PDB file of N, CA and C in Angstrom:
ATOM      1  N   MET A   1      88.526  52.705 125.275  1.00  0.00           N
ATOM      2  CA  MET A   1      88.085  53.310 124.259  1.00  0.00           C
ATOM      3  C   MET A   1      88.347  52.172 122.986  1.00  0.00           C
ATOM      4  N   THR A   2      86.947  51.938 122.539  1.00  0.00           N
ATOM      5  CA  THR A   2      86.884  51.017 121.598  1.00  0.00           C
ATOM      6  C   THR A   2      86.798  51.293 119.926  1.00  0.00           C
ATOM      7  N   VAL A   3      88.021  50.953 118.873  1.00  0.00           N
ATOM      8  CA  VAL A   3      87.271  51.385 117.556  1.00  0.00           C
ATOM      9  C   VAL A   3      86.849  50.059 117.541  1.00  0.00           C
ATOM     10  N   ILE A   4      86.110  50.458 116.701  1.00  0.00           N
ATOM     11  CA  ILE A   4      84.934  49.504 115.067  1.00  0.00           C
ATOM     12  C   ILE A   4      85.446  50.008 114.020  1.00  0.00           C
ATOM     13  N   ILE A   5      85.793  49.083 113.354  1.00  0.00           N
ATOM     14  CA  ILE A   5      86.146  49.143 111.728  1.00  0.00           C
ATOM     15  C   ILE A   5      85.202  48.703 111.099  1.00  0.00           C
ATOM     16  N   HIS A   6      83.899  49.533 110.618  1.00  0.00           N
ATOM     17  CA  HIS A   6      82.798  49.338 109.509  1.00  0.00           C
ATOM     18  C   HIS A   6      83.135  48.320 108.289  1.00  0.00           C
ATOM     19  N   ARG A   7      84.418  49.404 107.786  1.00  0.00           N
ATOM     20  CA  ARG A   7      84.092  49.306 106.123  1.00  0.00           C
ATOM     21  C   ARG A   7      85.888  49.317 105.938  1.00  0.00           C
ATOM     22  N   CYS A   8      86.536  48.470 105.361  1.00  0.00           N
ATOM     23  CA  CYS A   8      87.736  48.953 105.197  1.00  0.00           C
ATOM     24  C   CYS A   8      88.122  48.890 103.684  1.00  0.00           C
ATOM     25  N   ASP A   9      87.967  49.531 102.867  1.00  0.00           N
ATOM     26  CA  ASP A   9      88.283  48.986 101.646  1.00  0.00           C
ATOM     27  C   ASP A   9      89.375  49.917 100.573  1.00  0.00           C
ATOM     28  N   VAL A  10      90.683  49.225 101.128  1.00  0.00           N
ATOM     29  CA  VAL A  10      91.700  50.178 100.695  1.00  0.00           C
ATOM     30  C   VAL A  10      92.550  49.221  99.455  1.00  0.00           C
ATOM     31  N   LYS A  11      93.028  49.929  98.177  1.00  0.00           N
ATOM     32  CA  LYS A  11      93.508  48.694  97.660  1.00  0.00           C
ATOM     33  C   LYS A  11      95.118  49.338  96.956  1.00  0.00           C
ATOM     34  N   ARG A  12      95.637  48.370  95.790  1.00  0.00           N
ATOM     35  CA  ARG A  12      96.689  49.229  95.784  1.00  0.00           C
ATOM     36  C   ARG A  12      96.409  49.106  93.576  1.00  0.00           C
ATOM     37  N   ASP A  13      97.059  49.832  93.431  1.00  0.00           N
ATOM     38  CA  ASP A  13      96.829  49.812  91.883  1.00  0.00           C
ATOM     39  C   ASP A  13      97.689  49.201  91.517  1.00  0.00           C
ATOM     40  N   PRO A  14      97.599  47.894  90.715  1.00  0.00           N
ATOM     41  CA  PRO A  14      98.472  47.013  90.088  1.00  0.00           C
ATOM     42  C   PRO A  14      98.710  47.585  88.985  1.00  0.00           C
ATOM     43  N   VAL A  15      98.693  48.781  88.730  1.00  0.00           N
ATOM     44  CA  VAL A  15      99.725  49.437  87.159  1.00  0.00           C
ATOM     45  C   VAL A  15     100.247  50.378  88.188  1.00  0.00           C
ATOM     46  N   THR A  16      99.838  51.303  88.471  1.00  0.00           N
ATOM     47  CA  THR A  16     100.653  52.681  89.049  1.00  0.00           C
ATOM     48  C   THR A  16     101.412  52.364  90.458  1.00  0.00           C
ATOM     49  N   GLY A  17     100.964  51.478  91.083  1.00  0.00           N
ATOM     50  CA  GLY A  17     101.079  50.897  92.782  1.00  0.00           C
ATOM     51  C   GLY A  17     100.459  52.025  93.845  1.00  0.00           C
ATOM     52  N   ASN A  18      99.619  52.537  93.346  1.00  0.00           N
ATOM     53  CA  ASN A  18      99.112  53.834  94.128  1.00  0.00           C
ATOM     54  C   ASN A  18      97.940  53.155  94.867  1.00  0.00           C
ATOM     55  N   ILE A  19      98.150  53.772  96.526  1.00  0.00           N
ATOM     56  CA  ILE A  19      96.867  53.343  97.101  1.00  0.00           C
ATOM     57  C   ILE A  19      95.919  54.162  96.932  1.00  0.00           C
ATOM     58  N   TYR A  20      94.608  53.501  97.396  1.00  0.00           N
ATOM     59  CA  TYR A  20      93.491  54.206  97.558  1.00  0.00           C
ATOM     60  C   TYR A  20      92.520  53.276  97.802  1.00  0.00           C
ATOM     61  N   GLY A  21      91.352  54.075  98.604  1.00  0.00           N
ATOM     62  CA  GLY A  21      90.213  53.675  98.933  1.00  0.00           C
ATOM     63  C   GLY A  21      89.611  54.166 100.680  1.00  0.00           C
ATOM     64  N   GLU A  22      88.685  53.208 100.963  1.00  0.00           N
ATOM     65  CA  GLU A  22      88.273  54.466 102.175  1.00  0.00           C
ATOM     66  C   GLU A  22      87.839  53.131 103.500  1.00  0.00           C
ATOM     67  N   MET A  23      87.898  54.029 104.583  1.00  0.00           N
ATOM     68  CA  MET A  23      88.086  52.841 105.466  1.00  0.00           C
ATOM     69  C   MET A  23      86.769  54.097 106.636  1.00  0.00           C
ATOM     70  N   VAL A  24      85.657  53.253 107.090  1.00  0.00           N
ATOM     71  CA  VAL A  24      84.546  53.587 108.041  1.00  0.00           C
ATOM     72  C   VAL A  24      85.109  53.057 109.321  1.00  0.00           C
ATOM     73  N   VAL A  25      84.926  54.270 110.527  1.00  0.00           N
ATOM     74  CA  VAL A  25      85.621  54.033 111.881  1.00  0.00           C
ATOM     75  C   VAL A  25      84.333  54.260 112.531  1.00  0.00           C
ATOM     76  N   GLU A  26      83.808  53.487 113.768  1.00  0.00           N
ATOM     77  CA  GLU A  26      83.227  54.007 114.968  1.00  0.00           C
ATOM     78  C   GLU A  26      84.096  53.651 116.176  1.00  0.00           C
ATOM     79  N   ASN A  27      84.121  55.404 116.725  1.00  0.00           N
ATOM     80  CA  ASN A  27      84.291  55.482 117.837  1.00  0.00           C
ATOM     81  C   ASN A  27      83.855  55.524 119.356  1.00  0.00           C
ATOM     82  N   THR A  28      84.346  54.710 120.380  1.00  0.00           N
ATOM     83  CA  THR A  28      83.367  54.923 121.436  1.00  0.00           C
ATOM     84  C   THR A  28      84.375  55.862 122.734  1.00  0.00           C
ATOM     85  N   GLY A  29      83.862  56.168 123.492  1.00  0.00           N
ATOM     86  CA  GLY A  29      84.273  56.874 124.435  1.00  0.00           C
ATOM     87  C   GLY A  29      85.295  57.677 124.534  1.00  0.00           C
ATOM     88  N   ASP A  30      86.505  58.110 124.369  1.00  0.00           N
ATOM     89  CA  ASP A  30      86.674  59.622 124.369  1.00  0.00           C
ATOM     90  C   ASP A  30      87.199  59.889 123.161  1.00  0.00           C
ATOM     91  N   ALA A  31      86.265  60.215 122.124  1.00  0.00           N
ATOM     92  CA  ALA A  31      87.212  60.369 120.279  1.00  0.00           C
ATOM     93  C   ALA A  31      86.998  61.462 120.143  1.00  0.00           C
ATOM     94  N   ASP A  32      87.599  62.467 120.381  1.00  0.00           N
ATOM     95  CA  ASP A  32      87.385  63.630 120.396  1.00  0.00           C
ATOM     96  C   ASP A  32      88.417  64.022 118.960  1.00  0.00           C
ATOM     97  N   ASN A  33      89.697  63.261 119.027  1.00  0.00           N
ATOM     98  CA  ASN A  33      90.630  63.841 118.112  1.00  0.00           C
ATOM     99  C   ASN A  33      90.666  62.130 117.012  1.00  0.00           C
ATOM    100  N   LYS A  34      89.635  61.507 117.289  1.00  0.00           N
ATOM    101  CA  LYS A  34      90.360  60.299 116.245  1.00  0.00           C
ATOM    102  C   LYS A  34      89.554  60.264 115.293  1.00  0.00           C
ATOM    103  N   PRO A  35      89.794  60.130 113.785  1.00  0.00           N
ATOM    104  CA  PRO A  35      89.071  60.089 112.710  1.00  0.00           C
ATOM    105  C   PRO A  35      87.599  58.921 112.990  1.00  0.00           C
ATOM    106  N   THR A  36      86.511  59.497 112.017  1.00  0.00           N
ATOM    107  CA  THR A  36      85.631  58.594 111.856  1.00  0.00           C
ATOM    108  C   THR A  36      85.503  57.654 110.265  1.00  0.00           C
ATOM    109  N   ARG A  37      86.120  58.418 109.411  1.00  0.00           N
ATOM    110  CA  ARG A  37      86.123  58.581 108.149  1.00  0.00           C
ATOM    111  C   ARG A  37      87.661  58.782 107.606  1.00  0.00           C
ATOM    112  N   ILE A  38      87.954  57.648 106.817  1.00  0.00           N
ATOM    113  CA  ILE A  38      89.686  58.014 106.374  1.00  0.00           C
ATOM    114  C   ILE A  38      89.422  57.541 104.972  1.00  0.00           C
ATOM    115  N   ILE A  39      89.778  59.092 103.935  1.00  0.00           N
ATOM    116  CA  ILE A  39      90.239  58.372 102.240  1.00  0.00           C
ATOM    117  C   ILE A  39      91.291  58.135 102.644  1.00  0.00           C
ATOM    118  N   PHE A  40      91.752  57.309 101.272  1.00  0.00           N
ATOM    119  CA  PHE A  40      93.449  57.276 101.190  1.00  0.00           C
ATOM    120  C   PHE A  40      93.408  57.553  99.423  1.00  0.00           C
ATOM    121  N   ASN A  41      94.085  58.232  98.831  1.00  0.00           N
ATOM    122  CA  ASN A  41      94.126  58.426  98.061  1.00  0.00           C
ATOM    123  C   ASN A  41      95.308  58.946  97.680  1.00  0.00           C
ATOM    124  N   ASP A  42      96.601  58.023  97.042  1.00  0.00           N
ATOM    125  CA  ASP A  42      98.083  58.380  97.050  1.00  0.00           C
ATOM    126  C   ASP A  42      98.195  59.323  96.055  1.00  0.00           C
ATOM    127  N   PRO A  43      99.133  60.354  96.850  1.00  0.00           N
ATOM    128  CA  PRO A  43      99.822  60.777  97.957  1.00  0.00           C
ATOM    129  C   PRO A  43      99.216  61.727  98.914  1.00  0.00           C
ATOM    130  N   CYS A  44      97.713  61.350  98.962  1.00  0.00           N
ATOM    131  CA  CYS A  44      96.727  62.284 100.256  1.00  0.00           C
ATOM    132  C   CYS A  44      95.690  61.318 101.047  1.00  0.00           C
ATOM    133  N   THR A  45      96.077  61.756 102.190  1.00  0.00           N
ATOM    134  CA  THR A  45      95.117  61.063 103.156  1.00  0.00           C
ATOM    135  C   THR A  45      94.334  61.886 103.814  1.00  0.00           C
ATOM    136  N   ILE A  46      92.947  61.746 103.643  1.00  0.00           N
ATOM    137  CA  ILE A  46      91.634  62.989 104.391  1.00  0.00           C
ATOM    138  C   ILE A  46      91.439  62.092 104.949  1.00  0.00           C
ATOM    139  N   CYS A  47      90.849  62.591 107.069  1.00  0.00           N
ATOM    140  CA  CYS A  47      90.567  61.717 107.592  1.00  0.00           C
ATOM    141  C   CYS A  47      89.049  63.763 108.041  1.00  0.00           C
ATOM    142  N   PHE A  48      88.056  62.476 108.286  1.00  0.00           N
ATOM    143  CA  PHE A  48      87.081  63.102 108.512  1.00  0.00           C
ATOM    144  C   PHE A  48      86.718  62.913 109.984  1.00  0.00           C
ATOM    145  N   PHE A  49      86.536  63.943 111.262  1.00  0.00           N
ATOM    146  CA  PHE A  49      86.340  63.802 112.426  1.00  0.00           C
ATOM    147  C   PHE A  49      84.908  63.826 112.538  1.00  0.00           C
ATOM    148  N   ASP A  50      84.665  63.690 114.133  1.00  0.00           N
ATOM    149  CA  ASP A  50      83.100  63.632 114.852  1.00  0.00           C
ATOM    150  C   ASP A  50      82.180  65.229 114.531  1.00  0.00           C
ATOM    151  N   ASP A  51      83.260  66.371 114.679  1.00  0.00           N
ATOM    152  CA  ASP A  51      82.891  67.540 115.004  1.00  0.00           C
ATOM    153  C   ASP A  51      82.748  68.193 113.712  1.00  0.00           C
ATOM    154  N   GLY A  52      82.832  67.049 112.671  1.00  0.00           N
ATOM    155  CA  GLY A  52      82.715  67.439 111.337  1.00  0.00           C
ATOM    156  C   GLY A  52      83.652  68.421 110.328  1.00  0.00           C
ATOM    157  N   SER A  53      85.070  68.280 111.190  1.00  0.00           N
ATOM    158  CA  SER A  53      85.714  69.201 110.549  1.00  0.00           C
ATOM    159  C   SER A  53      86.993  67.950 109.686  1.00  0.00           C
ATOM    160  N   LYS A  54      87.478  68.192 108.467  1.00  0.00           N
ATOM    161  CA  LYS A  54      88.109  67.641 108.141  1.00  0.00           C
ATOM    162  C   LYS A  54      89.883  68.140 107.517  1.00  0.00           C
ATOM    163  N   VAL A  55      90.729  66.958 108.031  1.00  0.00           N
ATOM    164  CA  VAL A  55      91.841  67.406 107.685  1.00  0.00           C
ATOM    165  C   VAL A  55      93.002  66.476 106.310  1.00  0.00           C
ATOM    166  N   ILE A  56      93.657  67.094 105.963  1.00  0.00           N
ATOM    167  CA  ILE A  56      94.378  66.136 104.341  1.00  0.00           C
ATOM    168  C   ILE A  56      95.626  66.615 104.748  1.00  0.00           C
ATOM    169  N   SER A  57      96.083  65.311 104.608  1.00  0.00           N
ATOM    170  CA  SER A  57      97.242  65.631 104.580  1.00  0.00           C
ATOM    171  C   SER A  57      98.004  65.015 103.129  1.00  0.00           C
ATOM    172  N   ARG A  58      99.078  64.793 102.737  1.00  0.00           N
ATOM    173  CA  ARG A  58      99.782  65.077 101.690  1.00  0.00           C
ATOM    174  C   ARG A  58     101.321  64.593 101.612  1.00  0.00           C
ATOM    175  N   CYS A  59     101.671  63.612 101.051  1.00  0.00           N
ATOM    176  CA  CYS A  59     103.322  63.272 101.530  1.00  0.00           C
ATOM    177  C   CYS A  59     103.821  64.746 100.466  1.00  0.00           C
ATOM    178  N   GLY A  60     105.152  64.192 100.172  1.00  0.00           N
ATOM    179  CA  GLY A  60     106.146  64.882  99.358  1.00  0.00           C
ATOM    180  C   GLY A  60     106.242  64.248  98.180  1.00  0.00           C
ATOM    181  N   LYS A  61     106.602  64.933  97.073  1.00  0.00           N
ATOM    182  CA  LYS A  61     107.038  64.189  95.947  1.00  0.00           C
ATOM    183  C   LYS A  61     108.102  63.381  96.005  1.00  0.00           C
ATOM    184  N   ARG A  62     109.164  63.443  96.366  1.00  0.00           N
ATOM    185  CA  ARG A  62     109.890  62.284  97.083  1.00  0.00           C
ATOM    186  C   ARG A  62     109.713  61.044  97.758  1.00  0.00           C
ATOM    187  N   GLU A  63     108.976  61.167  99.184  1.00  0.00           N
ATOM    188  CA  GLU A  63     108.598  60.174  99.802  1.00  0.00           C
ATOM    189  C   GLU A  63     107.849  59.410  98.933  1.00  0.00           C
ATOM    190  N   LYS A  64     107.509  58.062  99.856  1.00  0.00           N
ATOM    191  CA  LYS A  64     106.991  57.135  99.507  1.00  0.00           C
ATOM    192  C   LYS A  64     105.564  57.370 100.613  1.00  0.00           C
ATOM    193  N   TYR A  65     104.382  56.985  99.724  1.00  0.00           N
ATOM    194  CA  TYR A  65     103.088  56.920 100.403  1.00  0.00           C
ATOM    195  C   TYR A  65     102.819  56.095 101.765  1.00  0.00           C
ATOM    196  N   GLU A  66     102.914  56.314 102.221  1.00  0.00           N
ATOM    197  CA  GLU A  66     102.313  55.388 103.518  1.00  0.00           C
ATOM    198  C   GLU A  66     101.169  55.679 104.011  1.00  0.00           C
ATOM    199  N   PRO A  67     100.434  54.627 103.994  1.00  0.00           N
ATOM    200  CA  PRO A  67      98.523  54.972 104.558  1.00  0.00           C
ATOM    201  C   PRO A  67      98.841  55.738 106.168  1.00  0.00           C
ATOM    202  N   GLU A  68      99.619  55.013 106.906  1.00  0.00           N
ATOM    203  CA  GLU A  68      99.514  54.329 108.357  1.00  0.00           C
ATOM    204  C   GLU A  68     100.069  56.161 108.952  1.00  0.00           C
ATOM    205  N   HIS A  69     101.132  56.852 107.535  1.00  0.00           N
ATOM    206  CA  HIS A  69     101.998  57.875 108.113  1.00  0.00           C
ATOM    207  C   HIS A  69     101.043  58.843 107.641  1.00  0.00           C
ATOM    208  N   GLY A  70      99.948  59.241 106.732  1.00  0.00           N
ATOM    209  CA  GLY A  70      98.980  60.039 106.762  1.00  0.00           C
ATOM    210  C   GLY A  70      98.034  60.354 107.572  1.00  0.00           C
ATOM    211  N   VAL A  71      97.613  58.842 107.922  1.00  0.00           N
ATOM    212  CA  VAL A  71      96.410  59.198 109.289  1.00  0.00           C
ATOM    213  C   VAL A  71      97.125  60.148 110.082  1.00  0.00           C
ATOM    214  N   MET A  72      98.606  59.519 110.850  1.00  0.00           N
ATOM    215  CA  MET A  72      99.060  60.141 112.121  1.00  0.00           C
ATOM    216  C   MET A  72      99.430  61.594 111.705  1.00  0.00           C
ATOM    217  N   ALA A  73      99.594  62.146 110.244  1.00  0.00           N
ATOM    218  CA  ALA A  73      99.856  63.340 109.920  1.00  0.00           C
ATOM    219  C   ALA A  73      98.359  63.998 110.181  1.00  0.00           C
ATOM    220  N   CYS A  74      97.339  63.684 109.607  1.00  0.00           N
ATOM    221  CA  CYS A  74      95.994  64.062 109.940  1.00  0.00           C
ATOM    222  C   CYS A  74      95.521  64.448 111.409  1.00  0.00           C
ATOM    223  N   ILE A  75      96.126  63.228 112.554  1.00  0.00           N
ATOM    224  CA  ILE A  75      95.568  63.540 113.769  1.00  0.00           C
ATOM    225  C   ILE A  75      96.843  64.583 114.132  1.00  0.00           C
ATOM    226  N   VAL A  76      97.752  64.750 113.886  1.00  0.00           N
ATOM    227  CA  VAL A  76      98.736  65.960 114.495  1.00  0.00           C
ATOM    228  C   VAL A  76      98.269  67.410 114.349  1.00  0.00           C
ATOM    229  N   LYS A  77      97.898  67.303 112.524  1.00  0.00           N
ATOM    230  CA  LYS A  77      97.745  68.678 112.357  1.00  0.00           C
ATOM    231  C   LYS A  77      96.165  68.967 112.893  1.00  0.00           C
ATOM    232  N   LYS A  78      95.652  68.192 113.568  1.00  0.00           N
ATOM    233  CA  LYS A  78      94.079  68.667 114.237  1.00  0.00           C
ATOM    234  C   LYS A  78      94.289  68.916 115.449  1.00  0.00           C
ATOM    235  N   LEU A  79      95.356  67.663 116.138  1.00  0.00           N
ATOM    236  CA  LEU A  79      95.370  68.376 117.568  1.00  0.00           C
ATOM    237  C   LEU A  79      96.446  69.783 117.301  1.00  0.00           C
ATOM    238  N   TYR A  80      97.351  70.011 116.798  1.00  0.00           N
ATOM    239  CA  TYR A  80      98.116  71.218 117.308  1.00  0.00           C
ATOM    240  C   TYR A  80      97.636  72.233 116.036  1.00  0.00           C
ATOM    241  N   GLY A  81      97.032  72.004 115.380  1.00  0.00           N
ATOM    242  CA  GLY A  81      96.169  73.322 114.373  1.00  0.00           C
ATOM    243  C   GLY A  81      97.026  73.421 112.833  1.00  0.00           C
ATOM    244  N   SER A  82      98.543  72.922 112.906  1.00  0.00           N
ATOM    245  CA  SER A  82      99.266  72.852 111.907  1.00  0.00           C
ATOM    246  C   SER A  82     100.086  72.143 112.047  1.00  0.00           C
ATOM    247  N   ARG A  83     101.188  71.808 110.559  1.00  0.00           N
ATOM    248  CA  ARG A  83     102.351  71.076 111.212  1.00  0.00           C
ATOM    249  C   ARG A  83     103.526  71.563 111.843  1.00  0.00           C
ATOM    250  N   GLN A  84     103.210  73.007 111.126  1.00  0.00           N
ATOM    251  CA  GLN A  84     104.485  73.878 112.042  1.00  0.00           C
ATOM    252  C   GLN A  84     104.534  74.266 113.429  1.00  0.00           C
ATOM    253  N   ALA A  85     102.764  74.317 113.994  1.00  0.00           N
ATOM    254  CA  ALA A  85     103.221  74.345 115.548  1.00  0.00           C
ATOM    255  C   ALA A  85     103.107  72.973 116.041  1.00  0.00           C
ATOM    256  N   PHE A  86     102.954  72.176 115.280  1.00  0.00           N
ATOM    257  CA  PHE A  86     103.751  70.477 116.013  1.00  0.00           C
ATOM    258  C   PHE A  86     105.117  70.573 116.057  1.00  0.00           C
ATOM    259  N   ILE A  87     105.579  71.216 115.487  1.00  0.00           N
ATOM    260  CA  ILE A  87     107.310  71.164 115.004  1.00  0.00           C
ATOM    261  C   ILE A  87     107.769  72.036 116.083  1.00  0.00           C
ATOM    262  N   LYS A  88     107.297  73.149 116.034  1.00  0.00           N
ATOM    263  CA  LYS A  88     107.785  73.823 117.290  1.00  0.00           C
ATOM    264  C   LYS A  88     107.668  73.539 118.433  1.00  0.00           C
ATOM    265  N   ALA A  89     106.389  72.579 119.148  1.00  0.00           N
ATOM    266  CA  ALA A  89     105.772  71.917 120.028  1.00  0.00           C
ATOM    267  C   ALA A  89     107.064  70.867 120.465  1.00  0.00           C
ATOM    268  N   VAL A  90     107.295  70.021 119.384  1.00  0.00           N
ATOM    269  CA  VAL A  90     108.421  69.240 119.373  1.00  0.00           C
ATOM    270  C   VAL A  90     109.767  69.954 119.682  1.00  0.00           C
ATOM    271  N   ALA A  91     110.420  70.525 119.114  1.00  0.00           N
ATOM    272  CA  ALA A  91     111.230  71.961 119.467  1.00  0.00           C
ATOM    273  C   ALA A  91     111.310  72.207 120.906  1.00  0.00           C
ATOM    274  N   LYS A  92     110.211  72.648 121.511  1.00  0.00           N
ATOM    275  CA  LYS A  92     110.647  72.938 122.545  1.00  0.00           C
ATOM    276  C   LYS A  92     110.779  72.363 123.991  1.00  0.00           C
ATOM    277  N   GLY A  93     110.054  70.996 123.660  1.00  0.00           N
ATOM    278  CA  GLY A  93     110.143  69.910 124.547  1.00  0.00           C
ATOM    279  C   GLY A  93     111.993  69.231 124.340  1.00  0.00           C
ATOM    280  N   LYS A  94     112.568  69.358 123.347  1.00  0.00           N
ATOM    281  CA  LYS A  94     113.864  68.495 123.020  1.00  0.00           C
ATOM    282  C   LYS A  94     114.693  69.825 123.646  1.00  0.00           C
ATOM    283  N   ASN A  95     114.621  70.827 123.670  1.00  0.00           N
ATOM    284  CA  ASN A  95     114.927  71.563 124.223  1.00  0.00           C
ATOM    285  C   ASN A  95     115.197  71.664 125.957  1.00  0.00           C
ATOM    286  N   GLN A  96     113.679  71.483 126.359  1.00  0.00           N
ATOM    287  CA  GLN A  96     113.328  71.036 127.673  1.00  0.00           C
ATOM    288  C   GLN A  96     114.479  69.997 128.417  1.00  0.00           C
ATOM    289  N   GLN A  97     114.420  68.826 127.424  1.00  0.00           N
ATOM    290  CA  GLN A  97     115.076  67.942 127.708  1.00  0.00           C
ATOM    291  C   GLN A  97     116.656  68.187 127.812  1.00  0.00           C
ATOM    292  N   GLU A  98     117.291  68.947 126.839  1.00  0.00           N
ATOM    293  CA  GLU A  98     118.457  69.369 126.457  1.00  0.00           C
ATOM    294  C   GLU A  98     119.019  69.802 128.012  1.00  0.00           C
ATOM    295  N   VAL A  99     118.557  70.719 128.395  1.00  0.00           N
ATOM    296  CA  VAL A  99     118.544  71.724 129.668  1.00  0.00           C
ATOM    297  C   VAL A  99     119.257  71.147 130.507  1.00  0.00           C
ATOM    298  N   LYS A 100     118.792  70.290 131.130  1.00  0.00           N
ATOM    299  CA  LYS A 100     118.497  69.381 132.379  1.00  0.00           C
ATOM    300  C   LYS A 100     120.259  68.933 132.758  1.00  0.00           C
TER     301      LYS A 100
END
């Protein structure tokens, strides 16, 4: 699988320190759950996917905005349907490891 970045225009506001911008990505190969367009707008990250869906992640009020964490959160929401479903899957896997 190859990812081609067509445009990446991400900046940090010198006054507020907020990160904003956009990245346009072309995925080749198996790209069902990989974003094709990403918008960074501190404290939100918005990912658009090939199937036309859009997923938004927002960091908490006391958390520092990290663009890569926002993209990861969007992909996890896309794969699992919600953050809560992902947390349940992690807990289930953790419990299985402890049983050994």
